[in-house]
Amino acid sequence: MAVKLRLVRIGKKKQPTYRLVAADSRSPRNGRFIEIVGTYAPRGKSLAEPDAVFEIDNAKAVKWLAQGAQPTVRVEKLLKQSGALEEFETAKAGK
């Protein structure tokens, strides 16, 4: 089973919020997933806070990357910003 780290859309119309999940690559975008790794709100939490907000559990992300999960392009950028990708690279180099 090929696992991907990808975004699942939730939220209201024209107000997207995404969950970063580990899912089987064959399942649909909003279909079944294995585990929630984090959240991403590209439009911010509210009008008072319009900047993009993301919360990622780096330990879970590194665990999935170590098991061979492939991140999508957008998720890879988010993992770089959170520092999870760097943690994975150093752990991989240390072996």
Protein backbone atom coordinates (compact mmCIF):
# COMPACT_ATOMS: atom_id res chain seq x y z
CA MET A 1 0.00 0.00 0.00
CA ALA A 2 1.48 3.34 -1.06
CA VAL A 3 0.89 6.06 1.54
CA LYS A 4 0.77 9.77 0.74
CA LEU A 5 0.81 12.80 3.00
CA ARG A 6 -1.82 15.07 1.47
CA LEU A 7 -4.51 17.66 2.18
CA VAL A 8 -8.20 16.88 2.74
CA ARG A 9 -10.56 19.82 2.27
CA ILE A 10 -12.95 20.70 5.08
CA GLY A 11 -14.71 23.94 5.95
CA LYS A 12 -17.42 26.05 4.40
CA LYS A 13 -17.87 27.15 0.83
CA LYS A 14 -15.26 29.78 -0.13
CA GLN A 15 -13.62 29.36 3.30
CA PRO A 16 -11.34 26.35 2.87
CA THR A 17 -9.57 24.66 5.71
CA TYR A 18 -7.52 21.54 5.18
CA ARG A 19 -6.39 18.58 7.24
CA LEU A 20 -2.96 17.18 6.54
CA VAL A 21 -3.45 13.41 6.58
CA ALA A 22 -1.66 10.17 5.84
CA ALA A 23 -3.82 8.28 3.35
CA ASP A 24 -3.68 5.42 0.87
CA SER A 25 -2.76 6.92 -2.50
CA ARG A 26 -5.70 5.14 -4.18
CA SER A 27 -8.39 6.66 -1.93
CA PRO A 28 -10.25 9.80 -3.07
CA ARG A 29 -9.28 13.30 -1.88
CA ASN A 30 -11.90 13.50 0.87
CA GLY A 31 -12.11 9.75 1.37
CA ARG A 32 -10.66 7.46 4.02
CA PHE A 33 -7.40 8.34 5.68
CA ILE A 34 -5.13 6.58 8.14
CA GLU A 35 -4.15 9.40 10.51
CA ILE A 36 -4.47 13.18 10.88
CA VAL A 37 -1.03 14.83 10.99
CA GLY A 38 -2.03 18.51 11.12
CA THR A 39 -4.23 21.34 9.83
CA TYR A 40 -3.80 24.18 7.33
CA ALA A 41 -5.93 27.31 6.96
CA PRO A 42 -4.70 29.25 3.89
CA ARG A 43 -7.03 32.20 4.52
CA GLY A 44 -6.31 32.51 8.23
CA LYS A 45 -8.54 31.84 11.21
CA SER A 46 -10.73 34.93 10.87
CA LEU A 47 -10.90 38.41 9.37
CA ALA A 48 -8.84 39.66 12.31
CA GLU A 49 -6.10 37.11 11.52
CA PRO A 50 -5.95 36.92 7.68
CA ASP A 51 -2.51 35.25 7.46
CA ALA A 52 -2.24 31.56 6.61
CA VAL A 53 -2.07 29.31 9.68
CA PHE A 54 -0.83 25.75 9.87
CA GLU A 55 -0.30 23.37 12.76
CA ILE A 56 1.65 20.19 12.10
CA ASP A 57 2.61 17.45 14.55
CA ASN A 58 6.25 17.08 13.47
CA ALA A 59 6.71 13.77 15.30
CA LYS A 60 3.85 12.15 13.35
CA ALA A 61 5.06 13.66 10.07
CA VAL A 62 8.61 12.38 10.58
CA LYS A 63 7.26 8.94 11.53
CA TRP A 64 5.27 8.71 8.28
CA LEU A 65 8.15 10.00 6.18
CA ALA A 66 10.44 7.38 7.77
CA GLN A 67 7.93 4.69 6.82
CA GLY A 68 8.06 5.80 3.17
CA ALA A 69 5.07 8.12 2.83
CA GLN A 70 5.35 10.52 -0.10
CA PRO A 71 4.21 14.14 0.48
CA THR A 72 2.40 16.11 -2.21
CA VAL A 73 4.01 19.33 -3.47
CA ARG A 74 1.97 21.62 -1.18
CA VAL A 75 2.44 19.37 1.85
CA GLU A 76 6.20 19.26 1.21
CA LYS A 77 6.30 23.07 1.36
CA LEU A 78 4.35 23.06 4.63
CA LEU A 79 6.67 20.42 6.11
CA LYS A 80 9.68 22.56 5.17
CA GLN A 81 8.13 25.57 6.91
CA SER A 82 7.32 23.58 10.06
CA GLY A 83 10.79 22.00 10.18
CA ALA A 84 9.55 18.40 9.97
CA LEU A 85 11.34 17.76 6.67
CA GLU A 86 14.63 18.98 8.14
CA GLU A 87 14.14 16.70 11.19
CA PHE A 88 13.56 13.77 8.86
CA GLU A 89 16.68 14.58 6.78
CA THR A 90 18.90 14.78 9.88
CA ALA A 91 17.45 11.56 11.32
CA LYS A 92 17.97 9.83 7.97
CA ALA A 93 21.57 11.11 7.71
CA GLY A 94 22.31 10.03 11.28
CA LYS A 95 21.52 6.36 10.61
